mmCIF file of all heavy atoms, coordinates in Angstrom:
data_MODEL
# 
_entry.id   MODEL 
# 
loop_
_atom_site.group_PDB 
_atom_site.id 
_atom_site.type_symbol 
_atom_site.label_atom_id 
_atom_site.label_alt_id 
_atom_site.label_comp_id 
_atom_site.label_asym_id 
_atom_site.label_entity_id 
_atom_site.label_seq_id 
_atom_site.pdbx_PDB_ins_code 
_atom_site.Cartn_x 
_atom_site.Cartn_y 
_atom_site.Cartn_z 
_atom_site.occupancy 
_atom_site.B_iso_or_equiv 
_atom_site.pdbx_formal_charge 
_atom_site.auth_seq_id 
_atom_site.auth_comp_id 
_atom_site.auth_asym_id 
_atom_site.auth_atom_id 
_atom_site.pdbx_PDB_model_num 
ATOM 1   N N   . ASN A 1 1  ? 9.400  -7.500 -13.964 1.00 0.00 ? 1  ASN A N   1 
ATOM 2   C CA  . ASN A 1 1  ? 8.338  -7.119 -12.995 1.00 0.00 ? 1  ASN A CA  1 
ATOM 3   C C   . ASN A 1 1  ? 9.039  -6.860 -11.677 1.00 0.00 ? 1  ASN A C   1 
ATOM 4   O O   . ASN A 1 1  ? 9.845  -7.641 -11.264 1.00 0.00 ? 1  ASN A O   1 
ATOM 5   C CB  . ASN A 1 1  ? 7.302  -8.225 -12.864 1.00 0.00 ? 1  ASN A CB  1 
ATOM 6   C CG  . ASN A 1 1  ? 6.553  -8.405 -14.140 1.00 0.00 ? 1  ASN A CG  1 
ATOM 7   O OD1 . ASN A 1 1  ? 5.943  -7.533 -14.676 1.00 0.00 ? 1  ASN A OD1 1 
ATOM 8   N ND2 . ASN A 1 1  ? 6.584  -9.609 -14.643 1.00 0.00 ? 1  ASN A ND2 1 
ATOM 9   N N   . VAL A 1 2  ? 8.651  -5.789 -10.982 1.00 0.00 ? 2  VAL A N   1 
ATOM 10  C CA  . VAL A 1 2  ? 9.462  -5.373 -9.792  1.00 0.00 ? 2  VAL A CA  1 
ATOM 11  C C   . VAL A 1 2  ? 8.624  -5.251 -8.523  1.00 0.00 ? 2  VAL A C   1 
ATOM 12  O O   . VAL A 1 2  ? 7.495  -4.665 -8.498  1.00 0.00 ? 2  VAL A O   1 
ATOM 13  C CB  . VAL A 1 2  ? 10.111 -4.033 -10.064 1.00 0.00 ? 2  VAL A CB  1 
ATOM 14  C CG1 . VAL A 1 2  ? 10.937 -3.592 -8.861  1.00 0.00 ? 2  VAL A CG1 1 
ATOM 15  C CG2 . VAL A 1 2  ? 11.002 -4.073 -11.274 1.00 0.00 ? 2  VAL A CG2 1 
ATOM 16  N N   . VAL A 1 3  ? 9.116  -5.914 -7.441  1.00 0.00 ? 3  VAL A N   1 
ATOM 17  C CA  . VAL A 1 3  ? 8.660  -5.753 -6.117  1.00 0.00 ? 3  VAL A CA  1 
ATOM 18  C C   . VAL A 1 3  ? 9.630  -4.811 -5.383  1.00 0.00 ? 3  VAL A C   1 
ATOM 19  O O   . VAL A 1 3  ? 10.802 -5.104 -5.379  1.00 0.00 ? 3  VAL A O   1 
ATOM 20  C CB  . VAL A 1 3  ? 8.560  -7.077 -5.351  1.00 0.00 ? 3  VAL A CB  1 
ATOM 21  C CG1 . VAL A 1 3  ? 7.978  -6.849 -3.912  1.00 0.00 ? 3  VAL A CG1 1 
ATOM 22  C CG2 . VAL A 1 3  ? 7.691  -8.079 -6.115  1.00 0.00 ? 3  VAL A CG2 1 
ATOM 23  N N   . SER A 1 4  ? 9.147  -3.661 -4.842  1.00 0.00 ? 4  SER A N   1 
ATOM 24  C CA  . SER A 1 4  ? 10.044 -2.800 -4.053  1.00 0.00 ? 4  SER A CA  1 
ATOM 25  C C   . SER A 1 4  ? 9.694  -2.957 -2.572  1.00 0.00 ? 4  SER A C   1 
ATOM 26  O O   . SER A 1 4  ? 8.572  -2.922 -2.153  1.00 0.00 ? 4  SER A O   1 
ATOM 27  C CB  . SER A 1 4  ? 9.765  -1.340 -4.489  1.00 0.00 ? 4  SER A CB  1 
ATOM 28  O OG  . SER A 1 4  ? 10.206 -1.135 -5.783  1.00 0.00 ? 4  SER A OG  1 
ATOM 29  N N   . VAL A 1 5  ? 10.784 -3.124 -1.788  1.00 0.00 ? 5  VAL A N   1 
ATOM 30  C CA  . VAL A 1 5  ? 10.640 -3.325 -0.365  1.00 0.00 ? 5  VAL A CA  1 
ATOM 31  C C   . VAL A 1 5  ? 11.415 -2.294 0.344   1.00 0.00 ? 5  VAL A C   1 
ATOM 32  O O   . VAL A 1 5  ? 12.633 -2.070 0.061   1.00 0.00 ? 5  VAL A O   1 
ATOM 33  C CB  . VAL A 1 5  ? 11.110 -4.713 0.042   1.00 0.00 ? 5  VAL A CB  1 
ATOM 34  C CG1 . VAL A 1 5  ? 10.981 -4.931 1.555   1.00 0.00 ? 5  VAL A CG1 1 
ATOM 35  C CG2 . VAL A 1 5  ? 10.429 -5.837 -0.734  1.00 0.00 ? 5  VAL A CG2 1 
ATOM 36  N N   . ASP A 1 6  ? 10.798 -1.627 1.333   1.00 0.00 ? 6  ASP A N   1 
ATOM 37  C CA  . ASP A 1 6  ? 11.481 -0.594 2.142   1.00 0.00 ? 6  ASP A CA  1 
ATOM 38  C C   . ASP A 1 6  ? 10.687 -0.572 3.479   1.00 0.00 ? 6  ASP A C   1 
ATOM 39  O O   . ASP A 1 6  ? 9.627  -1.190 3.603   1.00 0.00 ? 6  ASP A O   1 
ATOM 40  C CB  . ASP A 1 6  ? 11.555 0.762  1.466   1.00 0.00 ? 6  ASP A CB  1 
ATOM 41  C CG  . ASP A 1 6  ? 12.687 1.563  2.053   1.00 0.00 ? 6  ASP A CG  1 
ATOM 42  O OD1 . ASP A 1 6  ? 12.599 2.083  3.167   1.00 0.00 ? 6  ASP A OD1 1 
ATOM 43  O OD2 . ASP A 1 6  ? 13.685 1.737  1.281   1.00 0.00 ? 6  ASP A OD2 1 
ATOM 44  N N   . ILE A 1 7  ? 11.157 0.249  4.431   1.00 0.00 ? 7  ILE A N   1 
ATOM 45  C CA  . ILE A 1 7  ? 10.430 0.415  5.698   1.00 0.00 ? 7  ILE A CA  1 
ATOM 46  C C   . ILE A 1 7  ? 9.856  1.805  5.826   1.00 0.00 ? 7  ILE A C   1 
ATOM 47  O O   . ILE A 1 7  ? 9.233  2.128  6.814   1.00 0.00 ? 7  ILE A O   1 
ATOM 48  C CB  . ILE A 1 7  ? 11.260 0.069  6.877   1.00 0.00 ? 7  ILE A CB  1 
ATOM 49  C CG1 . ILE A 1 7  ? 12.581 0.913  6.964   1.00 0.00 ? 7  ILE A CG1 1 
ATOM 50  C CG2 . ILE A 1 7  ? 11.694 -1.399 6.891   1.00 0.00 ? 7  ILE A CG2 1 
ATOM 51  C CD1 . ILE A 1 7  ? 13.387 0.791  8.213   1.00 0.00 ? 7  ILE A CD1 1 
ATOM 52  N N   . ALA A 1 8  ? 10.034 2.612  4.787   1.00 0.00 ? 8  ALA A N   1 
ATOM 53  C CA  . ALA A 1 8  ? 9.564  3.999  4.840   1.00 0.00 ? 8  ALA A CA  1 
ATOM 54  C C   . ALA A 1 8  ? 8.445  4.157  3.740   1.00 0.00 ? 8  ALA A C   1 
ATOM 55  O O   . ALA A 1 8  ? 8.754  3.935  2.532   1.00 0.00 ? 8  ALA A O   1 
ATOM 56  C CB  . ALA A 1 8  ? 10.678 4.956  4.587   1.00 0.00 ? 8  ALA A CB  1 
ATOM 57  N N   . ASP A 1 9  ? 7.289  4.630  4.177   1.00 0.00 ? 9  ASP A N   1 
ATOM 58  C CA  . ASP A 1 9  ? 6.239  4.792  3.203   1.00 0.00 ? 9  ASP A CA  1 
ATOM 59  C C   . ASP A 1 9  ? 6.534  5.784  2.118   1.00 0.00 ? 9  ASP A C   1 
ATOM 60  O O   . ASP A 1 9  ? 6.170  5.610  0.951   1.00 0.00 ? 9  ASP A O   1 
ATOM 61  C CB  . ASP A 1 9  ? 4.865  5.229  3.917   1.00 0.00 ? 9  ASP A CB  1 
ATOM 62  C CG  . ASP A 1 9  ? 4.270  4.071  4.671   1.00 0.00 ? 9  ASP A CG  1 
ATOM 63  O OD1 . ASP A 1 9  ? 4.430  2.880  4.313   1.00 0.00 ? 9  ASP A OD1 1 
ATOM 64  O OD2 . ASP A 1 9  ? 3.615  4.302  5.680   1.00 0.00 ? 9  ASP A OD2 1 
ATOM 65  N N   . GLU A 1 10 ? 7.267  6.853  2.452   1.00 0.00 ? 10 GLU A N   1 
ATOM 66  C CA  . GLU A 1 10 ? 7.587  7.866  1.433   1.00 0.00 ? 10 GLU A CA  1 
ATOM 67  C C   . GLU A 1 10 ? 8.508  7.336  0.371   1.00 0.00 ? 10 GLU A C   1 
ATOM 68  O O   . GLU A 1 10 ? 8.427  7.617  -0.853  1.00 0.00 ? 10 GLU A O   1 
ATOM 69  C CB  . GLU A 1 10 ? 8.248  9.119  2.028   1.00 0.00 ? 10 GLU A CB  1 
ATOM 70  C CG  . GLU A 1 10 ? 9.527  8.992  2.743   1.00 0.00 ? 10 GLU A CG  1 
ATOM 71  C CD  . GLU A 1 10 ? 9.413  8.604  4.243   1.00 0.00 ? 10 GLU A CD  1 
ATOM 72  O OE1 . GLU A 1 10 ? 8.320  8.330  4.764   1.00 0.00 ? 10 GLU A OE1 1 
ATOM 73  O OE2 . GLU A 1 10 ? 10.411 8.562  4.868   1.00 0.00 ? 10 GLU A OE2 1 
ATOM 74  N N   . LYS A 1 11 ? 9.355  6.326  0.724   1.00 0.00 ? 11 LYS A N   1 
ATOM 75  C CA  . LYS A 1 11 ? 10.207 5.694  -0.300  1.00 0.00 ? 11 LYS A CA  1 
ATOM 76  C C   . LYS A 1 11 ? 9.388  4.729  -1.159  1.00 0.00 ? 11 LYS A C   1 
ATOM 77  O O   . LYS A 1 11 ? 9.643  4.552  -2.312  1.00 0.00 ? 11 LYS A O   1 
ATOM 78  C CB  . LYS A 1 11 ? 11.352 4.963  0.340   1.00 0.00 ? 11 LYS A CB  1 
ATOM 79  C CG  . LYS A 1 11 ? 12.362 6.009  0.960   1.00 0.00 ? 11 LYS A CG  1 
ATOM 80  C CD  . LYS A 1 11 ? 13.596 5.355  1.455   1.00 0.00 ? 11 LYS A CD  1 
ATOM 81  C CE  . LYS A 1 11 ? 14.497 6.478  2.004   1.00 0.00 ? 11 LYS A CE  1 
ATOM 82  N NZ  . LYS A 1 11 ? 15.780 5.978  2.409   1.00 0.00 ? 11 LYS A NZ  1 
ATOM 83  N N   . LEU A 1 12 ? 8.401  4.139  -0.553  1.00 0.00 ? 12 LEU A N   1 
ATOM 84  C CA  . LEU A 1 12 ? 7.531  3.250  -1.324  1.00 0.00 ? 12 LEU A CA  1 
ATOM 85  C C   . LEU A 1 12 ? 6.615  4.003  -2.276  1.00 0.00 ? 12 LEU A C   1 
ATOM 86  O O   . LEU A 1 12 ? 6.300  3.543  -3.351  1.00 0.00 ? 12 LEU A O   1 
ATOM 87  C CB  . LEU A 1 12 ? 6.718  2.357  -0.383  1.00 0.00 ? 12 LEU A CB  1 
ATOM 88  C CG  . LEU A 1 12 ? 7.589  1.386  0.414   1.00 0.00 ? 12 LEU A CG  1 
ATOM 89  C CD1 . LEU A 1 12 ? 6.692  0.636  1.468   1.00 0.00 ? 12 LEU A CD1 1 
ATOM 90  C CD2 . LEU A 1 12 ? 8.214  0.380  -0.515  1.00 0.00 ? 12 LEU A CD2 1 
ATOM 91  N N   . GLU A 1 13 ? 6.266  5.236  -1.871  1.00 0.00 ? 13 GLU A N   1 
ATOM 92  C CA  . GLU A 1 13 ? 5.527  6.114  -2.785  1.00 0.00 ? 13 GLU A CA  1 
ATOM 93  C C   . GLU A 1 13 ? 6.352  6.472  -3.975  1.00 0.00 ? 13 GLU A C   1 
ATOM 94  O O   . GLU A 1 13 ? 5.887  6.487  -5.097  1.00 0.00 ? 13 GLU A O   1 
ATOM 95  C CB  . GLU A 1 13 ? 5.073  7.382  -2.053  1.00 0.00 ? 13 GLU A CB  1 
ATOM 96  C CG  . GLU A 1 13 ? 3.866  7.208  -1.168  1.00 0.00 ? 13 GLU A CG  1 
ATOM 97  C CD  . GLU A 1 13 ? 2.650  6.599  -1.931  1.00 0.00 ? 13 GLU A CD  1 
ATOM 98  O OE1 . GLU A 1 13 ? 2.292  7.096  -3.012  1.00 0.00 ? 13 GLU A OE1 1 
ATOM 99  O OE2 . GLU A 1 13 ? 2.027  5.664  -1.400  1.00 0.00 ? 13 GLU A OE2 1 
ATOM 100 N N   . LEU A 1 14 ? 7.665  6.797  -3.737  1.00 0.00 ? 14 LEU A N   1 
ATOM 101 C CA  . LEU A 1 14 ? 8.579  7.032  -4.820  1.00 0.00 ? 14 LEU A CA  1 
ATOM 102 C C   . LEU A 1 14 ? 8.648  5.859  -5.725  1.00 0.00 ? 14 LEU A C   1 
ATOM 103 O O   . LEU A 1 14 ? 8.679  5.938  -6.932  1.00 0.00 ? 14 LEU A O   1 
ATOM 104 C CB  . LEU A 1 14 ? 9.936  7.380  -4.269  1.00 0.00 ? 14 LEU A CB  1 
ATOM 105 C CG  . LEU A 1 14 ? 11.126 7.558  -5.285  1.00 0.00 ? 14 LEU A CG  1 
ATOM 106 C CD1 . LEU A 1 14 ? 10.788 8.736  -6.304  1.00 0.00 ? 14 LEU A CD1 1 
ATOM 107 C CD2 . LEU A 1 14 ? 12.433 7.827  -4.636  1.00 0.00 ? 14 LEU A CD2 1 
ATOM 108 N N   . ALA A 1 15 ? 8.741  4.658  -5.123  1.00 0.00 ? 15 ALA A N   1 
ATOM 109 C CA  . ALA A 1 15 ? 8.838  3.384  -5.898  1.00 0.00 ? 15 ALA A CA  1 
ATOM 110 C C   . ALA A 1 15 ? 7.634  3.266  -6.838  1.00 0.00 ? 15 ALA A C   1 
ATOM 111 O O   . ALA A 1 15 ? 7.790  2.869  -7.977  1.00 0.00 ? 15 ALA A O   1 
ATOM 112 C CB  . ALA A 1 15 ? 8.977  2.216  -4.973  1.00 0.00 ? 15 ALA A CB  1 
ATOM 113 N N   . LYS A 1 16 ? 6.461  3.578  -6.314  1.00 0.00 ? 16 LYS A N   1 
ATOM 114 C CA  . LYS A 1 16 ? 5.234  3.466  -7.137  1.00 0.00 ? 16 LYS A CA  1 
ATOM 115 C C   . LYS A 1 16 ? 5.348  4.441  -8.339  1.00 0.00 ? 16 LYS A C   1 
ATOM 116 O O   . LYS A 1 16 ? 4.995  4.087  -9.458  1.00 0.00 ? 16 LYS A O   1 
ATOM 117 C CB  . LYS A 1 16 ? 4.007  3.774  -6.326  1.00 0.00 ? 16 LYS A CB  1 
ATOM 118 C CG  . LYS A 1 16 ? 3.598  2.699  -5.364  1.00 0.00 ? 16 LYS A CG  1 
ATOM 119 C CD  . LYS A 1 16 ? 2.409  3.161  -4.575  1.00 0.00 ? 16 LYS A CD  1 
ATOM 120 C CE  . LYS A 1 16 ? 2.118  2.145  -3.419  1.00 0.00 ? 16 LYS A CE  1 
ATOM 121 N NZ  . LYS A 1 16 ? 1.077  2.585  -2.507  1.00 0.00 ? 16 LYS A NZ  1 
ATOM 122 N N   . LYS A 1 17 ? 5.806  5.665  -8.024  1.00 0.00 ? 17 LYS A N   1 
ATOM 123 C CA  . LYS A 1 17 ? 5.929  6.671  -9.113  1.00 0.00 ? 17 LYS A CA  1 
ATOM 124 C C   . LYS A 1 17 ? 6.935  6.189  -10.162 1.00 0.00 ? 17 LYS A C   1 
ATOM 125 O O   . LYS A 1 17 ? 6.831  6.539  -11.359 1.00 0.00 ? 17 LYS A O   1 
ATOM 126 C CB  . LYS A 1 17 ? 6.350  8.009  -8.542  1.00 0.00 ? 17 LYS A CB  1 
ATOM 127 C CG  . LYS A 1 17 ? 5.269  8.704  -7.737  1.00 0.00 ? 17 LYS A CG  1 
ATOM 128 C CD  . LYS A 1 17 ? 5.823  10.018 -7.157  1.00 0.00 ? 17 LYS A CD  1 
ATOM 129 C CE  . LYS A 1 17 ? 4.756  10.610 -6.237  1.00 0.00 ? 17 LYS A CE  1 
ATOM 130 N NZ  . LYS A 1 17 ? 5.271  11.753 -5.507  1.00 0.00 ? 17 LYS A NZ  1 
ATOM 131 N N   . LEU A 1 18 ? 7.933  5.416  -9.718  1.00 0.00 ? 18 LEU A N   1 
ATOM 132 C CA  . LEU A 1 18 ? 8.997  4.967  -10.671 1.00 0.00 ? 18 LEU A CA  1 
ATOM 133 C C   . LEU A 1 18 ? 8.627  3.648  -11.371 1.00 0.00 ? 18 LEU A C   1 
ATOM 134 O O   . LEU A 1 18 ? 9.392  3.174  -12.191 1.00 0.00 ? 18 LEU A O   1 
ATOM 135 C CB  . LEU A 1 18 ? 10.283 4.826  -9.911  1.00 0.00 ? 18 LEU A CB  1 
ATOM 136 C CG  . LEU A 1 18 ? 10.902 6.119  -9.330  1.00 0.00 ? 18 LEU A CG  1 
ATOM 137 C CD1 . LEU A 1 18 ? 12.137 5.776  -8.572  1.00 0.00 ? 18 LEU A CD1 1 
ATOM 138 C CD2 . LEU A 1 18 ? 11.208 7.061  -10.468 1.00 0.00 ? 18 LEU A CD2 1 
ATOM 139 N N   . GLY A 1 19 ? 7.387  3.134  -11.107 1.00 0.00 ? 19 GLY A N   1 
ATOM 140 C CA  . GLY A 1 19 ? 6.914  2.015  -11.854 1.00 0.00 ? 19 GLY A CA  1 
ATOM 141 C C   . GLY A 1 19 ? 6.943  0.648  -11.151 1.00 0.00 ? 19 GLY A C   1 
ATOM 142 O O   . GLY A 1 19 ? 6.659  -0.381 -11.746 1.00 0.00 ? 19 GLY A O   1 
ATOM 143 N N   . ALA A 1 20 ? 7.167  0.620  -9.824  1.00 0.00 ? 20 ALA A N   1 
ATOM 144 C CA  . ALA A 1 20 ? 7.123  -0.662 -9.108  1.00 0.00 ? 20 ALA A CA  1 
ATOM 145 C C   . ALA A 1 20 ? 5.743  -1.326 -9.287  1.00 0.00 ? 20 ALA A C   1 
ATOM 146 O O   . ALA A 1 20 ? 4.694  -0.663 -9.201  1.00 0.00 ? 20 ALA A O   1 
ATOM 147 C CB  . ALA A 1 20 ? 7.366  -0.459 -7.613  1.00 0.00 ? 20 ALA A CB  1 
ATOM 148 N N   . ASP A 1 21 ? 5.718  -2.588 -9.519  1.00 0.00 ? 21 ASP A N   1 
ATOM 149 C CA  . ASP A 1 21 ? 4.488  -3.333 -9.666  1.00 0.00 ? 21 ASP A CA  1 
ATOM 150 C C   . ASP A 1 21 ? 3.840  -3.661 -8.350  1.00 0.00 ? 21 ASP A C   1 
ATOM 151 O O   . ASP A 1 21 ? 2.619  -3.653 -8.240  1.00 0.00 ? 21 ASP A O   1 
ATOM 152 C CB  . ASP A 1 21 ? 4.734  -4.618 -10.481 1.00 0.00 ? 21 ASP A CB  1 
ATOM 153 C CG  . ASP A 1 21 ? 5.301  -4.330 -11.897 1.00 0.00 ? 21 ASP A CG  1 
ATOM 154 O OD1 . ASP A 1 21 ? 4.483  -3.920 -12.709 1.00 0.00 ? 21 ASP A OD1 1 
ATOM 155 O OD2 . ASP A 1 21 ? 6.542  -4.532 -12.099 1.00 0.00 ? 21 ASP A OD2 1 
ATOM 156 N N   . ILE A 1 22 ? 4.619  -3.884 -7.329  1.00 0.00 ? 22 ILE A N   1 
ATOM 157 C CA  . ILE A 1 22 ? 4.217  -4.168 -6.023  1.00 0.00 ? 22 ILE A CA  1 
ATOM 158 C C   . ILE A 1 22 ? 5.136  -3.466 -5.034  1.00 0.00 ? 22 ILE A C   1 
ATOM 159 O O   . ILE A 1 22 ? 6.382  -3.483 -5.254  1.00 0.00 ? 22 ILE A O   1 
ATOM 160 C CB  . ILE A 1 22 ? 4.267  -5.685 -5.702  1.00 0.00 ? 22 ILE A CB  1 
ATOM 161 C CG1 . ILE A 1 22 ? 3.290  -6.473 -6.672  1.00 0.00 ? 22 ILE A CG1 1 
ATOM 162 C CG2 . ILE A 1 22 ? 3.859  -5.971 -4.229  1.00 0.00 ? 22 ILE A CG2 1 
ATOM 163 C CD1 . ILE A 1 22 ? 3.452  -7.951 -6.544  1.00 0.00 ? 22 ILE A CD1 1 
ATOM 164 N N   . THR A 1 23 ? 4.611  -2.850 -4.025  1.00 0.00 ? 23 THR A N   1 
ATOM 165 C CA  . THR A 1 23 ? 5.410  -2.257 -2.946  1.00 0.00 ? 23 THR A CA  1 
ATOM 166 C C   . THR A 1 23 ? 5.027  -2.928 -1.609  1.00 0.00 ? 23 THR A C   1 
ATOM 167 O O   . THR A 1 23 ? 3.897  -3.186 -1.390  1.00 0.00 ? 23 THR A O   1 
ATOM 168 C CB  . THR A 1 23 ? 5.222  -0.740 -2.865  1.00 0.00 ? 23 THR A CB  1 
ATOM 169 O OG1 . THR A 1 23 ? 3.887  -0.436 -2.592  1.00 0.00 ? 23 THR A OG1 1 
ATOM 170 C CG2 . THR A 1 23 ? 5.687  -0.033 -4.114  1.00 0.00 ? 23 THR A CG2 1 
ATOM 171 N N   . ILE A 1 24 ? 6.077  -3.103 -0.759  1.00 0.00 ? 24 ILE A N   1 
ATOM 172 C CA  . ILE A 1 24 ? 5.860  -3.823 0.518   1.00 0.00 ? 24 ILE A CA  1 
ATOM 173 C C   . ILE A 1 24 ? 6.614  -3.066 1.562   1.00 0.00 ? 24 ILE A C   1 
ATOM 174 O O   . ILE A 1 24 ? 7.851  -2.830 1.438   1.00 0.00 ? 24 ILE A O   1 
ATOM 175 C CB  . ILE A 1 24 ? 6.288  -5.286 0.435   1.00 0.00 ? 24 ILE A CB  1 
ATOM 176 C CG1 . ILE A 1 24 ? 5.481  -6.087 -0.619  1.00 0.00 ? 24 ILE A CG1 1 
ATOM 177 C CG2 . ILE A 1 24 ? 6.152  -5.890 1.882   1.00 0.00 ? 24 ILE A CG2 1 
ATOM 178 C CD1 . ILE A 1 24 ? 5.971  -7.499 -0.844  1.00 0.00 ? 24 ILE A CD1 1 
# 
C-alpha cells in the first residue's frame, strides 16, 4: 500500500494515476 508525498500537485496527480493509495 503506497503513500506518495510531494510538494507539487501535478506530481501527486501522476501518483494517483500510477496507483498511489494516498497522496499528500
